[in-house]
Amino acid sequence: MAEIDFNDFLKVDIRVGTVTRAEPYPEARKPAIKLWVDFGDELGERKSSAQITKHYEPEALIGKQVMAVVNFPPRQIGKFMSEILVLGLPDDDGEIVLIGPDKPVPSGGRMH
């Protein structure tokens, strides 16, 4: 993997947000959930499609804090426009487990 310098890292804006709404996305090629995530007053609410159906039910995600890259350009995912990249890690089977703080923090906080 290529090394980057600290200025490269600073270009990636990773923030914490709180899931305000989640619903199944059956039209997606792979099973997914549509997420609406609140990043506080500065960024507001943004949406994403995430392939996280193995470990999460939409209604259980409401109120969950997640980490996301917020400065990627929007990307069309089927009929849904994804505005952020919600971050996760693969489990032993390659299924995504979301990344978030282990204690509540204010929505919109930038990772450093």
N, C-alpha and C. Protein backbone atom coordinates (compact mmCIF):
# COMPACT_ATOMS: atom_id res chain seq x y z
N MET A 1 0.84 -1.17 0.00
CA MET A 1 0.00 0.00 0.00
C MET A 1 0.90 1.24 0.00
N ALA A 2 0.54 2.21 -0.80
CA ALA A 2 1.32 3.44 -0.90
C ALA A 2 1.15 4.28 0.37
N GLU A 3 2.22 4.92 0.79
CA GLU A 3 2.15 5.82 1.93
C GLU A 3 1.58 7.17 1.49
N ILE A 4 0.90 7.83 2.42
CA ILE A 4 0.40 9.18 2.18
C ILE A 4 0.98 10.08 3.26
N ASP A 5 0.97 11.37 3.00
CA ASP A 5 1.41 12.28 4.06
C ASP A 5 0.18 12.81 4.80
N PHE A 6 0.41 13.54 5.88
CA PHE A 6 -0.67 14.01 6.74
C PHE A 6 -1.64 14.91 5.98
N ASN A 7 -1.15 15.71 5.04
CA ASN A 7 -2.04 16.58 4.26
C ASN A 7 -3.01 15.77 3.42
N ASP A 8 -2.58 14.61 2.91
CA ASP A 8 -3.49 13.73 2.18
C ASP A 8 -4.61 13.24 3.10
N PHE A 9 -4.25 12.85 4.31
CA PHE A 9 -5.23 12.39 5.29
C PHE A 9 -6.26 13.48 5.59
N LEU A 10 -5.80 14.72 5.71
CA LEU A 10 -6.70 15.82 6.03
C LEU A 10 -7.73 16.10 4.94
N LYS A 11 -7.47 15.64 3.72
CA LYS A 11 -8.41 15.84 2.62
C LYS A 11 -9.67 14.98 2.79
N VAL A 12 -9.55 13.88 3.52
CA VAL A 12 -10.70 13.00 3.72
C VAL A 12 -11.46 13.47 4.96
N ASP A 13 -12.69 13.92 4.76
CA ASP A 13 -13.50 14.45 5.85
C ASP A 13 -14.39 13.33 6.40
N ILE A 14 -13.98 12.76 7.52
CA ILE A 14 -14.72 11.67 8.16
C ILE A 14 -15.39 12.24 9.40
N ARG A 15 -16.73 12.11 9.44
CA ARG A 15 -17.52 12.68 10.54
C ARG A 15 -18.41 11.61 11.16
N VAL A 16 -18.84 11.90 12.38
CA VAL A 16 -19.81 11.05 13.05
C VAL A 16 -21.20 11.63 12.80
N GLY A 17 -22.13 10.74 12.54
CA GLY A 17 -23.52 11.14 12.35
C GLY A 17 -24.44 10.17 13.05
N THR A 18 -25.68 10.58 13.21
CA THR A 18 -26.69 9.76 13.87
C THR A 18 -27.76 9.37 12.86
N VAL A 19 -28.02 8.08 12.76
CA VAL A 19 -29.03 7.59 11.82
C VAL A 19 -30.40 8.06 12.28
N THR A 20 -31.10 8.78 11.39
CA THR A 20 -32.43 9.29 11.70
C THR A 20 -33.54 8.48 11.02
N ARG A 21 -33.17 7.79 9.96
CA ARG A 21 -34.16 7.02 9.19
C ARG A 21 -33.42 5.90 8.47
N ALA A 22 -34.04 4.75 8.36
CA ALA A 22 -33.46 3.62 7.64
C ALA A 22 -34.60 2.78 7.06
N GLU A 23 -34.40 2.32 5.83
CA GLU A 23 -35.42 1.48 5.21
C GLU A 23 -34.78 0.50 4.26
N PRO A 24 -35.42 -0.64 4.04
CA PRO A 24 -34.88 -1.62 3.11
C PRO A 24 -34.74 -1.02 1.70
N TYR A 25 -33.78 -1.54 0.96
CA TYR A 25 -33.58 -1.11 -0.42
C TYR A 25 -33.58 -2.36 -1.31
N PRO A 26 -34.78 -2.94 -1.52
CA PRO A 26 -34.87 -4.20 -2.27
C PRO A 26 -34.51 -4.07 -3.75
N GLU A 27 -34.54 -2.86 -4.29
CA GLU A 27 -34.21 -2.67 -5.70
C GLU A 27 -32.71 -2.74 -5.98
N ALA A 28 -31.89 -2.68 -4.94
CA ALA A 28 -30.43 -2.72 -5.12
C ALA A 28 -30.01 -4.09 -5.65
N ARG A 29 -28.88 -4.11 -6.40
CA ARG A 29 -28.37 -5.37 -6.93
C ARG A 29 -28.02 -6.35 -5.81
N LYS A 30 -27.38 -5.85 -4.75
CA LYS A 30 -27.09 -6.65 -3.56
C LYS A 30 -27.96 -6.11 -2.44
N PRO A 31 -28.42 -6.97 -1.53
CA PRO A 31 -29.27 -6.47 -0.43
C PRO A 31 -28.63 -5.28 0.28
N ALA A 32 -29.42 -4.24 0.49
CA ALA A 32 -28.90 -3.01 1.09
C ALA A 32 -29.98 -2.34 1.93
N ILE A 33 -29.53 -1.35 2.68
CA ILE A 33 -30.42 -0.52 3.48
C ILE A 33 -30.15 0.94 3.13
N LYS A 34 -31.21 1.71 2.90
CA LYS A 34 -31.09 3.15 2.71
C LYS A 34 -30.98 3.80 4.09
N LEU A 35 -30.01 4.69 4.25
CA LEU A 35 -29.79 5.38 5.51
C LEU A 35 -29.86 6.88 5.33
N TRP A 36 -30.48 7.55 6.28
CA TRP A 36 -30.44 9.01 6.38
C TRP A 36 -29.70 9.31 7.68
N VAL A 37 -28.63 10.09 7.58
CA VAL A 37 -27.74 10.32 8.72
C VAL A 37 -27.63 11.81 8.99
N ASP A 38 -27.86 12.21 10.23
CA ASP A 38 -27.78 13.61 10.64
C ASP A 38 -26.36 13.91 11.13
N PHE A 39 -25.72 14.92 10.50
CA PHE A 39 -24.38 15.35 10.86
C PHE A 39 -24.38 16.71 11.56
N GLY A 40 -25.49 17.09 12.14
CA GLY A 40 -25.55 18.34 12.89
C GLY A 40 -25.80 19.54 12.00
N ASP A 41 -25.74 20.73 12.63
CA ASP A 41 -26.10 21.97 11.95
C ASP A 41 -25.23 22.29 10.73
N GLU A 42 -23.94 22.01 10.80
CA GLU A 42 -23.03 22.39 9.72
C GLU A 42 -23.31 21.63 8.42
N LEU A 43 -23.53 20.33 8.51
CA LEU A 43 -23.71 19.50 7.31
C LEU A 43 -25.14 19.04 7.09
N GLY A 44 -25.93 18.99 8.16
CA GLY A 44 -27.31 18.55 8.02
C GLY A 44 -27.42 17.05 7.78
N GLU A 45 -28.54 16.66 7.19
CA GLU A 45 -28.82 15.25 6.94
C GLU A 45 -28.31 14.85 5.56
N ARG A 46 -27.67 13.71 5.48
CA ARG A 46 -27.18 13.15 4.21
C ARG A 46 -27.65 11.70 4.13
N LYS A 47 -27.70 11.16 2.91
CA LYS A 47 -28.20 9.80 2.74
C LYS A 47 -27.16 8.90 2.07
N SER A 48 -27.35 7.59 2.31
CA SER A 48 -26.43 6.60 1.77
C SER A 48 -27.15 5.27 1.61
N SER A 49 -26.63 4.44 0.75
CA SER A 49 -27.07 3.06 0.62
C SER A 49 -25.93 2.20 1.14
N ALA A 50 -26.24 1.25 2.02
CA ALA A 50 -25.20 0.43 2.62
C ALA A 50 -25.59 -1.05 2.58
N GLN A 51 -24.64 -1.89 2.20
CA GLN A 51 -24.85 -3.34 2.14
C GLN A 51 -24.55 -3.94 3.52
N ILE A 52 -25.49 -3.73 4.43
CA ILE A 52 -25.29 -4.11 5.83
C ILE A 52 -26.42 -5.00 6.35
N THR A 53 -27.14 -5.66 5.45
CA THR A 53 -28.34 -6.40 5.84
C THR A 53 -28.06 -7.65 6.67
N LYS A 54 -26.85 -8.17 6.63
CA LYS A 54 -26.52 -9.38 7.39
C LYS A 54 -26.59 -9.13 8.90
N HIS A 55 -26.13 -7.96 9.34
CA HIS A 55 -26.04 -7.68 10.77
C HIS A 55 -27.05 -6.67 11.29
N TYR A 56 -27.79 -5.98 10.39
CA TYR A 56 -28.65 -4.88 10.84
C TYR A 56 -30.03 -4.95 10.22
N GLU A 57 -31.03 -4.61 11.03
CA GLU A 57 -32.39 -4.39 10.56
C GLU A 57 -32.61 -2.88 10.54
N PRO A 58 -33.32 -2.36 9.55
CA PRO A 58 -33.48 -0.90 9.45
C PRO A 58 -33.96 -0.23 10.74
N GLU A 59 -34.99 -0.78 11.38
CA GLU A 59 -35.53 -0.11 12.56
C GLU A 59 -34.53 -0.08 13.73
N ALA A 60 -33.61 -1.03 13.80
CA ALA A 60 -32.61 -1.07 14.88
C ALA A 60 -31.49 -0.05 14.67
N LEU A 61 -31.40 0.52 13.48
CA LEU A 61 -30.34 1.49 13.17
C LEU A 61 -30.69 2.91 13.62
N ILE A 62 -31.96 3.18 13.85
CA ILE A 62 -32.38 4.54 14.23
C ILE A 62 -31.70 4.91 15.56
N GLY A 63 -31.03 6.06 15.56
CA GLY A 63 -30.32 6.54 16.74
C GLY A 63 -28.89 6.07 16.85
N LYS A 64 -28.48 5.13 16.00
CA LYS A 64 -27.10 4.62 16.03
C LYS A 64 -26.15 5.67 15.45
N GLN A 65 -25.00 5.85 16.10
CA GLN A 65 -23.99 6.76 15.58
C GLN A 65 -23.03 5.98 14.69
N VAL A 66 -22.73 6.53 13.51
CA VAL A 66 -21.87 5.89 12.53
C VAL A 66 -20.82 6.89 12.04
N MET A 67 -19.74 6.37 11.49
CA MET A 67 -18.71 7.20 10.88
C MET A 67 -18.91 7.15 9.37
N ALA A 68 -18.66 8.29 8.70
CA ALA A 68 -18.85 8.35 7.25
C ALA A 68 -17.93 9.39 6.63
N VAL A 69 -17.51 9.12 5.41
CA VAL A 69 -16.80 10.11 4.60
C VAL A 69 -17.88 11.02 4.01
N VAL A 70 -17.76 12.32 4.28
CA VAL A 70 -18.82 13.25 3.87
C VAL A 70 -18.41 14.14 2.70
N ASN A 71 -17.18 14.02 2.21
CA ASN A 71 -16.77 14.91 1.12
C ASN A 71 -16.47 14.20 -0.19
N PHE A 72 -17.10 13.04 -0.40
CA PHE A 72 -17.09 12.42 -1.73
C PHE A 72 -18.21 13.04 -2.55
N PRO A 73 -18.09 13.08 -3.88
CA PRO A 73 -19.22 13.55 -4.68
C PRO A 73 -20.38 12.54 -4.60
N PRO A 74 -21.62 13.01 -4.74
CA PRO A 74 -22.76 12.08 -4.73
C PRO A 74 -22.61 11.01 -5.80
N ARG A 75 -23.17 9.82 -5.51
CA ARG A 75 -23.04 8.68 -6.43
C ARG A 75 -24.41 8.01 -6.57
N GLN A 76 -24.81 7.78 -7.79
CA GLN A 76 -26.08 7.13 -8.07
C GLN A 76 -25.96 5.63 -7.79
N ILE A 77 -26.81 5.12 -6.90
CA ILE A 77 -26.87 3.68 -6.59
C ILE A 77 -28.26 3.23 -6.98
N GLY A 78 -28.40 2.72 -8.19
CA GLY A 78 -29.73 2.39 -8.71
C GLY A 78 -30.54 3.67 -8.84
N LYS A 79 -31.72 3.72 -8.23
CA LYS A 79 -32.57 4.91 -8.27
C LYS A 79 -32.33 5.83 -7.07
N PHE A 80 -31.32 5.53 -6.28
CA PHE A 80 -31.06 6.25 -5.03
C PHE A 80 -29.73 7.00 -5.14
N MET A 81 -29.72 8.28 -4.76
CA MET A 81 -28.50 9.08 -4.79
C MET A 81 -27.81 9.01 -3.43
N SER A 82 -26.63 8.41 -3.39
CA SER A 82 -25.86 8.29 -2.16
C SER A 82 -24.95 9.50 -2.03
N GLU A 83 -25.01 10.17 -0.87
CA GLU A 83 -24.25 11.41 -0.66
C GLU A 83 -23.05 11.24 0.26
N ILE A 84 -22.97 10.12 0.96
CA ILE A 84 -21.87 9.85 1.89
C ILE A 84 -21.44 8.40 1.76
N LEU A 85 -20.28 8.07 2.30
CA LEU A 85 -19.82 6.68 2.37
C LEU A 85 -19.76 6.31 3.84
N VAL A 86 -20.72 5.49 4.28
CA VAL A 86 -20.74 5.01 5.66
C VAL A 86 -19.64 3.97 5.78
N LEU A 87 -18.87 4.03 6.88
CA LEU A 87 -17.70 3.18 7.04
C LEU A 87 -17.98 1.95 7.88
N GLY A 88 -17.34 0.85 7.50
CA GLY A 88 -17.48 -0.40 8.23
C GLY A 88 -16.28 -1.29 7.99
N LEU A 89 -16.28 -2.41 8.68
CA LEU A 89 -15.21 -3.41 8.55
C LEU A 89 -15.83 -4.77 8.29
N PRO A 90 -15.14 -5.63 7.52
CA PRO A 90 -15.69 -6.96 7.26
C PRO A 90 -15.51 -7.90 8.46
N ASP A 91 -16.54 -8.72 8.71
CA ASP A 91 -16.40 -9.78 9.71
C ASP A 91 -15.71 -10.98 9.06
N ASP A 92 -15.69 -12.12 9.74
CA ASP A 92 -15.02 -13.32 9.20
C ASP A 92 -15.61 -13.79 7.89
N ASP A 93 -16.89 -13.46 7.63
CA ASP A 93 -17.55 -13.87 6.40
C ASP A 93 -17.57 -12.78 5.34
N GLY A 94 -16.90 -11.65 5.62
CA GLY A 94 -16.88 -10.54 4.67
C GLY A 94 -18.09 -9.63 4.76
N GLU A 95 -18.96 -9.84 5.75
CA GLU A 95 -20.14 -9.00 5.92
C GLU A 95 -19.77 -7.76 6.73
N ILE A 96 -20.34 -6.63 6.36
CA ILE A 96 -19.92 -5.34 6.94
C ILE A 96 -20.52 -5.10 8.33
N VAL A 97 -19.64 -4.67 9.24
CA VAL A 97 -20.00 -4.22 10.58
C VAL A 97 -19.67 -2.73 10.64
N LEU A 98 -20.64 -1.91 10.98
CA LEU A 98 -20.47 -0.47 10.98
C LEU A 98 -19.47 0.00 12.04
N ILE A 99 -18.80 1.13 11.74
CA ILE A 99 -17.87 1.75 12.66
C ILE A 99 -18.56 2.96 13.29
N GLY A 100 -18.43 3.08 14.60
CA GLY A 100 -18.99 4.23 15.30
C GLY A 100 -18.32 4.39 16.65
N PRO A 101 -18.56 5.51 17.31
CA PRO A 101 -17.95 5.74 18.62
C PRO A 101 -18.52 4.78 19.67
N ASP A 102 -17.72 4.49 20.71
CA ASP A 102 -18.21 3.60 21.76
C ASP A 102 -18.93 4.36 22.87
N LYS A 103 -18.94 5.70 22.79
CA LYS A 103 -19.71 6.54 23.71
C LYS A 103 -20.40 7.61 22.86
N PRO A 104 -21.57 8.10 23.28
CA PRO A 104 -22.24 9.15 22.49
C PRO A 104 -21.39 10.40 22.37
N VAL A 105 -21.35 10.97 21.16
CA VAL A 105 -20.64 12.22 20.87
C VAL A 105 -21.56 13.09 20.03
N PRO A 106 -21.29 14.40 19.98
CA PRO A 106 -22.14 15.27 19.17
C PRO A 106 -22.05 14.93 17.67
N SER A 107 -23.18 14.87 17.01
CA SER A 107 -23.21 14.61 15.57
C SER A 107 -22.46 15.70 14.84
N GLY A 108 -21.70 15.30 13.83
CA GLY A 108 -20.94 16.24 13.02
C GLY A 108 -19.48 16.34 13.40
N GLY A 109 -19.09 15.73 14.52
CA GLY A 109 -17.69 15.78 14.94
C GLY A 109 -16.78 15.13 13.91
N ARG A 110 -15.66 15.80 13.65
CA ARG A 110 -14.71 15.28 12.66
C ARG A 110 -13.70 14.36 13.31
N MET A 111 -13.42 13.25 12.64
CA MET A 111 -12.43 12.31 13.14
C MET A 111 -11.04 12.91 13.05
N HIS A 112 -10.24 12.72 14.11
CA HIS A 112 -8.83 13.10 14.06
C HIS A 112 -8.03 12.20 14.93
